[in-house]
Amino acid sequence: MRMLCAATLSVLALCRPGAASEPTIVVEGNRGTDAQAIRELFHASSEALLTPAAIDAALKEPYETGLFEDVKIARSGTHLIVTVVEAPLIERLRFEGNRQVKDKDLANEIALKSRGTMTKAAVREDVARIIEIYHRNGRYQVEVTPNTIARGEGRVDLVFDIREGAKTGVKRIAFFGNREFAESRLKGVIKTTESGWFGFLKSSDVYDADRIEADADLLGRFYVKNGFADAHVSAAAAYDPAHQGFMLTFTIDEGARYRLGTIEIDSRIVALDGSSLRNYHDLGNDVIGLVRAQGGYFTPYGGQTLPLTSSFFGGPQLVRGFAVNGFGPRDVTPGTTQDNIGGSRYWTTSAELQAPIPGMPPEIALKTAFFADAGSLWGYRGATSFPSSQSLTVADSQRVRSSIGSSLIWDSPFGALRVDYAYPISKASTDVTQRLHFGVGAF
């Protein structure tokens, strides 16, 4: 009977809450991570990990370490079985297909690194980061595909395969709030243009956030210049997947227009009437007037002769309508090729009017110009006699060379390119003319 009671008490003792053996955590699947280190990630007691909600909460910290691709918890009797799939180690990380963004720039932006662990979540986040980099560079058709190459023993190579796609264009530019100026007029003020037939000739139709911000500033300055001192301009761009391009919107608050009243000028100069100081002619917002003057003088030291390489030579860079080395002192000795031998002094001046071509869309970036050039080059200071040869006969005239003409100027992505056609209206008999000239630069 005493033995039966003892046995009954033992059974009752085992049935009381808390009397059972404390459950233990068994770790499975780990290769490089210490099992005890994994156990220490579970701060709650084993008995607390009985509900799905508690298990989900306990899994958060192991995942946050970035060491595991997968973690599962299961209960088996008095044991908690923690099964882990360790994240592979990245042996080598590289990018393929990227031409517009350098490897080092991409590597600096992403979180994954060589010799670090790789999880699927981290890869997804880095794919999103790379796409964002290309979006900031105006490429919204970019595609990024991550690929892994197994190297054994839990090591992989991670490759981001990038298809950059074309730069995303601006499909439509709209203006809201503009009452005083037409949309076509405002499009001529900004640098950004719409994509069109001549897109291969320009880069201004490519989405550029910095340029669009500058365009808003240009519009604001345009309005202030035209009397709208309180004008405010804001810009917004939205990508349209259906059209694979951006829709750009400028919102304009013109405000009131201010005009100058009567201008009175009181002149204390006897020979100068104040009314003459008000002679002002507006060429218009699209017409540009340009004037240039230059000159040069070279004298050898101590009465020496001037080397040929240090002399000035007249040509289209000074007065258009003349050939390279087309005017200036010339060797006219009989039997010679009458070469230009350079001078020691020159002057030249140019005046030009530039304007858009009527009816030409602004995005083509073509304009025309009309010009007049004048100048002279003279003063040969080189040797005129040589041993065992005849003396040099030099044609050295201070005659003014002048020309008039027109130009076609294209504001290309590589800078301004121009074609000039000039007609010489005054020249020396020894000069060489050339009416057509191709040049670089707006003026």
Protein backbone atom coordinates (compact mmCIF):
# COMPACT_ATOMS: atom_id res chain seq x y z
CA MET A 1 0.00 0.00 0.00
CA ARG A 2 2.89 2.37 0.83
CA MET A 3 4.52 1.53 -2.40
CA LEU A 4 1.28 2.18 -4.32
CA CYS A 5 0.96 5.64 -2.76
CA ALA A 6 4.55 6.48 -3.58
CA ALA A 7 3.96 5.49 -7.20
CA THR A 8 0.76 7.53 -7.33
CA LEU A 9 2.53 10.62 -5.92
CA SER A 10 5.27 10.24 -8.49
CA VAL A 11 2.72 10.21 -11.31
CA LEU A 12 0.93 13.25 -9.85
CA ALA A 13 4.22 15.05 -9.52
CA LEU A 14 4.96 14.43 -13.20
CA CYS A 15 1.52 15.73 -14.17
CA ARG A 16 1.89 19.07 -12.36
CA PRO A 17 2.55 22.17 -14.50
CA GLY A 18 6.24 22.97 -14.69
CA ALA A 19 7.30 19.55 -13.50
CA ALA A 20 8.11 18.25 -16.95
CA SER A 21 11.69 18.40 -18.19
CA GLU A 22 12.64 21.80 -19.63
CA PRO A 23 12.51 21.59 -23.44
CA THR A 24 15.86 22.08 -25.26
CA ILE A 25 16.66 23.77 -28.58
CA VAL A 26 18.20 21.48 -31.20
CA VAL A 27 19.87 23.18 -34.16
CA GLU A 28 20.02 21.43 -37.55
CA GLY A 29 21.39 22.42 -40.97
CA ASN A 30 24.15 24.71 -39.80
CA ARG A 31 27.54 24.31 -41.44
CA GLY A 32 29.60 27.38 -40.61
CA THR A 33 27.56 28.99 -37.83
CA ASP A 34 28.02 27.72 -34.27
CA ALA A 35 24.90 26.00 -32.87
CA GLN A 36 25.16 27.77 -29.53
CA ALA A 37 25.30 31.13 -31.27
CA ILE A 38 22.05 30.24 -33.05
CA ARG A 39 20.40 29.19 -29.74
CA GLU A 40 21.31 32.52 -28.18
CA LEU A 41 19.30 34.32 -30.89
CA PHE A 42 16.11 32.98 -29.27
CA HIS A 43 15.69 35.11 -26.17
CA ALA A 44 12.27 33.74 -25.19
CA SER A 45 12.12 30.53 -23.16
CA SER A 46 11.38 27.29 -24.98
CA GLU A 47 8.01 27.02 -23.23
CA ALA A 48 7.04 30.46 -24.59
CA LEU A 49 7.54 29.32 -28.18
CA LEU A 50 4.27 27.39 -28.36
CA THR A 51 2.04 29.63 -30.45
CA PRO A 52 2.47 30.57 -34.14
CA ALA A 53 2.63 34.24 -33.18
CA ALA A 54 5.44 33.60 -30.71
CA ILE A 55 7.37 31.54 -33.27
CA ASP A 56 7.06 34.29 -35.91
CA ALA A 57 8.38 36.85 -33.44
CA ALA A 58 11.29 34.58 -32.52
CA LEU A 59 12.28 34.16 -36.19
CA LYS A 60 12.79 37.90 -36.72
CA GLU A 61 16.24 38.16 -35.15
CA PRO A 62 17.84 35.20 -37.01
CA TYR A 63 16.67 36.66 -40.33
CA GLU A 64 17.97 40.11 -39.44
CA THR A 65 21.51 38.76 -39.02
CA GLY A 66 21.67 38.12 -42.78
CA LEU A 67 23.34 34.78 -42.10
CA PHE A 68 20.39 32.58 -43.03
CA GLU A 69 18.36 32.12 -46.15
CA ASP A 70 15.65 30.21 -44.29
CA VAL A 71 14.82 29.38 -40.65
CA LYS A 72 12.09 27.00 -39.46
CA ILE A 73 10.99 26.03 -35.91
CA ALA A 74 9.21 22.77 -35.12
CA ARG A 75 8.34 21.09 -31.79
CA SER A 76 9.18 17.46 -31.16
CA GLY A 77 8.30 16.27 -27.67
CA THR A 78 10.33 18.30 -25.25
CA HIS A 79 12.60 19.60 -28.00
CA LEU A 80 12.41 22.64 -30.28
CA ILE A 81 13.96 21.78 -33.63
CA VAL A 82 15.47 24.84 -35.34
CA THR A 83 16.36 24.05 -38.94
CA VAL A 84 18.44 26.67 -40.77
CA VAL A 85 19.57 27.11 -44.34
CA GLU A 86 22.69 29.20 -44.19
CA ALA A 87 23.08 32.04 -46.69
CA PRO A 88 25.87 31.36 -49.19
CA LEU A 89 29.09 33.34 -49.09
CA ILE A 90 29.71 35.66 -52.06
CA GLU A 91 33.11 34.78 -53.44
CA ARG A 92 32.94 37.28 -56.30
CA LEU A 93 30.44 40.02 -57.16
CA ARG A 94 30.38 41.58 -60.61
CA PHE A 95 28.22 43.54 -63.06
CA GLU A 96 27.69 42.77 -66.72
CA GLY A 97 26.12 44.84 -69.48
CA ASN A 98 26.62 48.21 -67.78
CA ARG A 99 28.20 50.78 -70.07
CA GLN A 100 26.68 54.02 -68.82
CA VAL A 101 27.36 53.49 -65.10
CA LYS A 102 30.76 52.31 -63.87
CA ASP A 103 31.24 49.16 -61.76
CA LYS A 104 32.65 51.12 -58.82
CA ASP A 105 29.65 53.45 -58.77
CA LEU A 106 27.23 50.53 -58.69
CA ALA A 107 29.27 48.69 -56.04
CA ASN A 108 29.24 51.76 -53.79
CA GLU A 109 25.43 51.97 -53.93
CA ILE A 110 24.47 48.37 -53.17
CA ALA A 111 24.60 46.61 -49.79
CA LEU A 112 25.94 43.20 -50.85
CA LYS A 113 29.72 42.85 -50.97
CA SER A 114 32.27 40.22 -51.92
CA ARG A 115 33.14 37.90 -48.98
CA GLY A 116 29.81 38.70 -47.39
CA THR A 117 26.69 36.56 -47.14
CA MET A 118 23.90 36.65 -49.70
CA THR A 119 20.17 36.36 -49.04
CA LYS A 120 17.32 36.56 -51.54
CA ALA A 121 15.87 39.55 -49.74
CA ALA A 122 19.17 41.43 -49.92
CA VAL A 123 19.48 40.63 -53.63
CA ARG A 124 15.99 41.99 -54.30
CA GLU A 125 16.81 45.19 -52.43
CA ASP A 126 20.03 45.68 -54.41
CA VAL A 127 18.25 45.09 -57.72
CA ALA A 128 15.88 47.91 -56.72
CA ARG A 129 18.87 50.13 -55.86
CA ILE A 130 20.50 49.55 -59.25
CA ILE A 131 17.26 50.31 -61.07
CA GLU A 132 16.94 53.54 -59.09
CA ILE A 133 20.48 54.56 -60.13
CA TYR A 134 19.53 54.17 -63.79
CA HIS A 135 16.27 56.04 -63.26
CA ARG A 136 18.27 58.98 -61.90
CA ASN A 137 20.32 58.85 -65.12
CA GLY A 138 17.22 59.01 -67.31
CA ARG A 139 17.01 55.31 -68.24
CA TYR A 140 13.62 53.95 -67.26
CA GLN A 141 13.74 50.87 -69.52
CA VAL A 142 16.56 49.28 -67.55
CA GLU A 143 16.27 45.59 -66.61
CA VAL A 144 18.41 43.96 -63.90
CA THR A 145 18.62 40.17 -63.52
CA PRO A 146 20.64 38.62 -60.65
CA ASN A 147 22.36 35.31 -61.40
CA THR A 148 24.40 33.04 -59.13
CA ILE A 149 27.15 30.60 -60.03
CA ALA A 150 27.76 27.85 -57.45
CA ARG A 151 31.39 27.44 -56.42
CA GLY A 152 30.89 24.67 -53.85
CA GLU A 153 31.20 24.61 -50.07
CA GLY A 154 28.51 27.25 -49.65
CA ARG A 155 30.19 29.80 -51.93
CA VAL A 156 28.72 31.52 -55.00
CA ASP A 157 29.52 34.19 -57.57
CA LEU A 158 26.81 36.85 -57.80
CA VAL A 159 26.35 38.50 -61.19
CA PHE A 160 23.99 41.41 -61.88
CA ASP A 161 23.11 41.21 -65.56
CA ILE A 162 22.04 44.70 -66.67
CA ARG A 163 20.18 45.67 -69.82
CA GLU A 164 20.42 49.43 -69.74
CA GLY A 165 17.99 50.23 -72.52
CA ALA A 166 17.84 53.57 -74.30
CA LYS A 167 17.68 56.87 -72.50
CA THR A 168 14.10 57.81 -71.78
CA GLY A 169 12.82 60.72 -73.82
CA VAL A 170 10.43 63.57 -73.06
CA LYS A 171 7.28 62.75 -75.01
CA ARG A 172 5.21 65.78 -74.12
CA ILE A 173 5.83 69.25 -72.67
CA ALA A 174 2.79 71.10 -71.35
CA PHE A 175 2.31 74.53 -69.77
CA PHE A 176 -0.46 75.51 -67.37
CA GLY A 177 -1.31 79.04 -66.27
CA ASN A 178 0.31 80.79 -69.24
CA ARG A 179 -2.07 83.49 -70.45
CA GLU A 180 0.33 86.07 -71.89
CA PHE A 181 2.60 83.80 -73.95
CA ALA A 182 1.70 80.89 -76.23
CA GLU A 183 3.02 77.38 -75.59
CA SER A 184 5.16 77.53 -78.75
CA ARG A 185 6.84 80.70 -77.47
CA LEU A 186 7.65 79.18 -74.08
CA LYS A 187 9.07 76.03 -75.68
CA GLY A 188 11.60 78.27 -77.37
CA VAL A 189 12.78 79.55 -73.99
CA ILE A 190 13.62 76.22 -72.36
CA LYS A 191 16.44 73.83 -73.29
CA THR A 192 14.46 70.58 -72.97
CA THR A 193 12.66 69.53 -76.16
CA GLU A 194 10.14 66.85 -77.09
CA SER A 195 11.19 63.62 -78.78
CA GLY A 196 10.47 63.65 -82.49
CA TRP A 197 11.70 62.80 -85.94
CA PHE A 198 15.06 64.48 -85.45
CA GLY A 199 15.85 62.83 -82.13
CA PHE A 200 19.09 61.34 -83.46
CA LEU A 201 20.44 64.86 -84.01
CA LYS A 202 20.06 66.03 -80.42
CA SER A 203 20.19 65.06 -76.77
CA SER A 204 17.90 67.80 -75.43
CA ASP A 205 14.87 65.46 -75.66
CA VAL A 206 16.33 63.06 -73.06
CA TYR A 207 14.94 63.29 -69.53
CA ASP A 208 17.37 65.18 -67.30
CA ALA A 209 16.12 66.28 -63.88
CA ASP A 210 18.83 68.94 -63.48
CA ARG A 211 18.10 70.45 -66.91
CA ILE A 212 14.36 70.56 -66.18
CA GLU A 213 15.04 72.44 -62.95
CA ALA A 214 17.19 74.88 -64.94
CA ASP A 215 14.36 75.23 -67.48
CA ALA A 216 11.99 76.36 -64.73
CA ASP A 217 14.54 79.01 -63.81
CA LEU A 218 14.83 80.10 -67.47
CA LEU A 219 11.07 80.52 -67.68
CA GLY A 220 11.05 82.55 -64.49
CA ARG A 221 13.77 84.85 -65.86
CA PHE A 222 11.89 85.16 -69.14
CA TYR A 223 8.75 86.34 -67.36
CA VAL A 224 10.68 88.82 -65.19
CA LYS A 225 12.40 90.20 -68.30
CA ASN A 226 9.00 90.81 -69.84
CA GLY A 227 7.62 92.71 -66.86
CA PHE A 228 6.17 89.90 -64.70
CA ALA A 229 8.21 90.57 -61.59
CA ASP A 230 6.05 88.32 -59.38
CA ALA A 231 5.99 85.30 -61.72
CA HIS A 232 6.58 81.84 -60.23
CA VAL A 233 7.31 78.69 -62.25
CA SER A 234 7.40 75.08 -61.02
CA ALA A 235 8.16 71.89 -62.97
CA ALA A 236 6.95 68.32 -62.55
CA ALA A 237 7.79 65.18 -64.55
CA ALA A 238 5.88 61.90 -64.62
CA TYR A 239 6.90 58.70 -66.39
CA ASP A 240 4.23 57.18 -68.65
CA PRO A 241 4.88 53.43 -69.13
CA ALA A 242 2.38 53.28 -72.00
CA HIS A 243 4.39 55.82 -74.03
CA GLN A 244 7.76 54.83 -72.52
CA GLY A 245 8.59 58.43 -71.87
CA PHE A 246 8.11 61.42 -69.62
CA MET A 247 5.31 63.91 -69.52
CA LEU A 248 6.76 67.26 -68.42
CA THR A 249 4.54 69.96 -66.97
CA PHE A 250 5.44 73.58 -66.17
CA THR A 251 2.93 75.34 -63.93
CA ILE A 252 3.12 79.12 -64.22
CA ASP A 253 1.71 81.77 -61.92
CA GLU A 254 2.26 84.86 -64.05
CA GLY A 255 1.08 87.50 -61.62
CA ALA A 256 0.62 91.12 -62.66
CA ARG A 257 2.59 92.73 -65.47
CA TYR A 258 4.51 95.92 -64.66
CA ARG A 259 5.36 98.53 -67.29
CA LEU A 260 7.69 101.55 -67.16
CA GLY A 261 6.07 104.96 -67.28
CA THR A 262 7.52 108.10 -68.86
CA ILE A 263 11.32 108.36 -68.71
CA GLU A 264 12.65 111.89 -68.19
CA ILE A 265 16.37 112.58 -68.68
CA ASP A 266 17.88 115.89 -67.60
CA SER A 267 21.11 116.54 -69.53
CA ARG A 268 23.59 119.14 -68.24
CA ILE A 269 25.79 118.70 -71.33
CA VAL A 270 25.28 121.59 -73.72
CA ALA A 271 25.70 119.63 -76.96
CA LEU A 272 23.69 116.62 -75.79
CA ASP A 273 19.91 116.62 -75.81
CA GLY A 274 18.34 114.32 -73.22
CA SER A 275 15.85 112.95 -75.79
CA SER A 276 18.72 111.44 -77.80
CA LEU A 277 19.62 109.20 -74.88
CA ARG A 278 16.26 107.42 -75.15
CA ASN A 279 17.12 105.92 -78.56
CA TYR A 280 16.48 102.23 -77.89
CA HIS A 281 15.43 99.56 -80.34
CA ASP A 282 14.25 96.14 -79.12
CA LEU A 283 15.57 93.46 -81.46
CA GLY A 284 13.17 90.91 -80.00
CA ASN A 285 13.70 88.04 -77.59
CA ASP A 286 14.91 85.63 -80.28
CA VAL A 287 17.35 87.91 -82.15
CA ILE A 288 20.91 88.14 -80.87
CA GLY A 289 23.36 90.85 -81.92
CA LEU A 290 27.09 90.12 -81.60
CA VAL A 291 30.13 92.35 -82.14
CA ARG A 292 33.79 91.30 -81.97
CA ALA A 293 37.05 93.19 -82.44
CA GLN A 294 40.62 92.00 -82.10
CA GLY A 295 44.12 92.98 -83.08
CA GLY A 296 47.77 92.04 -82.70
CA TYR A 297 51.23 93.56 -82.95
CA PHE A 298 54.55 91.71 -82.88
CA THR A 299 57.99 93.30 -82.96
CA PRO A 300 61.29 91.36 -82.83
CA TYR A 301 63.76 92.24 -80.09
CA GLY A 302 66.86 94.24 -80.99
CA GLY A 303 66.03 94.71 -84.65
CA GLN A 304 66.08 91.00 -85.44
CA THR A 305 63.95 89.49 -88.19
CA LEU A 306 60.60 87.98 -87.27
CA PRO A 307 60.51 84.16 -87.57
CA LEU A 308 57.87 82.82 -89.92
CA THR A 309 56.30 80.74 -87.11
CA SER A 310 55.72 83.88 -85.02
CA SER A 311 53.95 85.83 -87.76
CA PHE A 312 50.21 86.47 -88.21
CA PHE A 313 48.38 84.96 -91.19
CA GLY A 314 45.08 86.21 -92.57
CA GLY A 315 42.22 83.80 -93.32
CA PRO A 316 38.59 82.98 -92.48
CA GLN A 317 39.33 83.08 -88.76
CA LEU A 318 39.79 86.85 -89.20
CA VAL A 319 37.67 87.78 -92.22
CA ARG A 320 35.28 85.25 -93.69
CA GLY A 321 35.28 84.91 -97.48
CA PHE A 322 39.05 84.42 -97.66
CA ALA A 323 40.97 81.14 -97.87
CA VAL A 324 43.33 79.87 -95.18
CA ASN A 325 46.42 82.12 -95.42
CA GLY A 326 44.38 83.98 -98.03
CA PHE A 327 45.51 87.52 -97.22
CA GLY A 328 48.50 89.30 -95.76
CA PRO A 329 52.10 89.86 -96.94
CA ARG A 330 52.91 87.56 -99.85
CA ASP A 331 56.08 86.48 -101.66
CA VAL A 332 55.51 87.60 -105.28
CA THR A 333 59.05 86.94 -106.51
CA PRO A 334 58.89 85.80 -110.16
CA GLY A 335 59.05 82.02 -110.47
CA THR A 336 57.77 81.33 -106.93
CA THR A 337 54.44 79.93 -105.71
CA GLN A 338 53.53 83.32 -104.16
CA ASP A 339 53.14 81.94 -100.63
CA ASN A 340 51.78 83.93 -97.69
CA ILE A 341 54.78 84.83 -95.56
CA GLY A 342 52.95 86.45 -92.63
CA GLY A 343 52.82 89.88 -91.05
CA SER A 344 53.59 91.51 -87.74
CA ARG A 345 50.36 93.42 -87.12
CA TYR A 346 46.65 93.02 -87.79
CA TRP A 347 43.16 94.19 -86.82
CA THR A 348 39.73 92.80 -87.54
CA THR A 349 36.12 93.37 -86.50
CA SER A 350 32.90 91.42 -87.01
CA ALA A 351 29.20 92.14 -86.50
CA GLU A 352 26.54 89.44 -86.62
CA LEU A 353 22.80 89.00 -86.08
CA GLN A 354 21.51 85.51 -85.17
CA ALA A 355 17.85 84.44 -85.18
CA PRO A 356 15.77 81.23 -85.31
CA ILE A 357 14.62 80.03 -88.71
CA PRO A 358 10.92 80.88 -89.14
CA GLY A 359 8.70 77.81 -89.07
CA MET A 360 11.49 75.52 -87.83
CA PRO A 361 10.63 73.56 -84.63
CA PRO A 362 12.81 74.76 -81.71
CA GLU A 363 13.98 71.23 -80.95
CA ILE A 364 15.91 71.12 -84.25
CA ALA A 365 18.22 73.77 -82.74
CA LEU A 366 18.94 75.44 -86.11
CA LYS A 367 19.29 79.19 -86.57
CA THR A 368 20.49 81.56 -89.24
CA ALA A 369 22.88 84.51 -89.10
CA PHE A 370 23.87 87.53 -91.18
CA PHE A 371 27.32 89.05 -90.76
CA ALA A 372 29.83 91.62 -91.93
CA ASP A 373 33.60 91.27 -91.41
CA ALA A 374 36.45 93.71 -92.01
CA GLY A 375 40.16 93.75 -91.23
CA SER A 376 43.71 94.01 -92.45
CA LEU A 377 47.07 92.30 -91.91
CA TRP A 378 50.44 93.70 -92.91
CA GLY A 379 54.03 94.44 -91.78
CA TYR A 380 56.37 91.70 -93.02
CA ARG A 381 59.43 91.70 -90.70
CA GLY A 382 61.30 88.67 -92.00
CA ALA A 383 64.41 88.42 -94.12
CA THR A 384 64.27 89.81 -97.69
CA SER A 385 67.63 88.61 -99.00
CA PHE A 386 69.44 85.26 -98.78
CA PRO A 387 72.97 84.15 -99.74
CA SER A 388 73.34 82.73 -103.28
CA SER A 389 69.70 83.50 -104.16
CA GLN A 390 67.68 86.41 -105.46
CA SER A 391 66.12 88.95 -103.17
CA LEU A 392 62.56 88.49 -101.94
CA THR A 393 59.82 90.58 -103.53
CA VAL A 394 57.04 91.15 -101.03
CA ALA A 395 53.48 92.39 -101.66
CA ASP A 396 52.60 94.03 -98.34
CA SER A 397 49.41 96.09 -98.39
CA GLN A 398 47.40 97.68 -95.58
CA ARG A 399 44.29 97.48 -97.73
CA VAL A 400 41.12 96.71 -95.79
CA ARG A 401 39.60 93.29 -96.56
CA SER A 402 35.88 93.06 -95.99
CA SER A 403 32.98 90.71 -96.63
CA ILE A 404 29.30 90.17 -96.00
CA GLY A 405 27.43 86.88 -95.81
CA SER A 406 25.06 84.53 -94.06
CA SER A 407 25.39 81.43 -91.90
CA LEU A 408 23.51 78.33 -90.82
CA ILE A 409 24.23 77.38 -87.18
CA TRP A 410 23.31 74.09 -85.53
CA ASP A 411 23.47 73.74 -81.75
CA SER A 412 24.53 70.07 -81.89
CA PRO A 413 25.17 67.76 -78.90
CA PHE A 414 28.89 68.25 -79.58
CA GLY A 415 28.73 72.05 -79.61
CA ALA A 416 27.77 74.71 -82.13
CA LEU A 417 28.57 73.85 -85.78
CA ARG A 418 28.21 76.41 -88.54
CA VAL A 419 28.42 76.88 -92.30
CA ASP A 420 29.34 80.39 -93.52
CA TYR A 421 28.89 81.76 -97.02
CA ALA A 422 30.73 85.06 -97.45
CA TYR A 423 31.13 87.43 -100.38
CA PRO A 424 34.34 89.52 -100.34
CA ILE A 425 33.59 93.15 -101.16
CA SER A 426 37.14 94.52 -100.86
CA LYS A 427 40.47 92.74 -101.26
CA ALA A 428 44.01 93.02 -102.63
CA SER A 429 44.95 91.65 -106.04
CA THR A 430 47.17 88.99 -104.45
CA ASP A 431 44.53 87.69 -102.02
CA VAL A 432 42.95 84.23 -102.29
CA THR A 433 39.22 84.02 -101.64
CA GLN A 434 37.01 81.13 -100.53
CA ARG A 435 33.32 81.83 -100.09
CA LEU A 436 32.19 78.64 -98.27
CA HIS A 437 33.59 77.88 -94.83
CA PHE A 438 32.78 75.25 -92.18
CA GLY A 439 33.46 76.20 -88.59
CA VAL A 440 32.96 75.33 -84.93
CA GLY A 441 31.51 77.74 -82.39
CA ALA A 442 28.49 80.02 -82.23
CA PHE A 443 30.54 83.12 -83.18
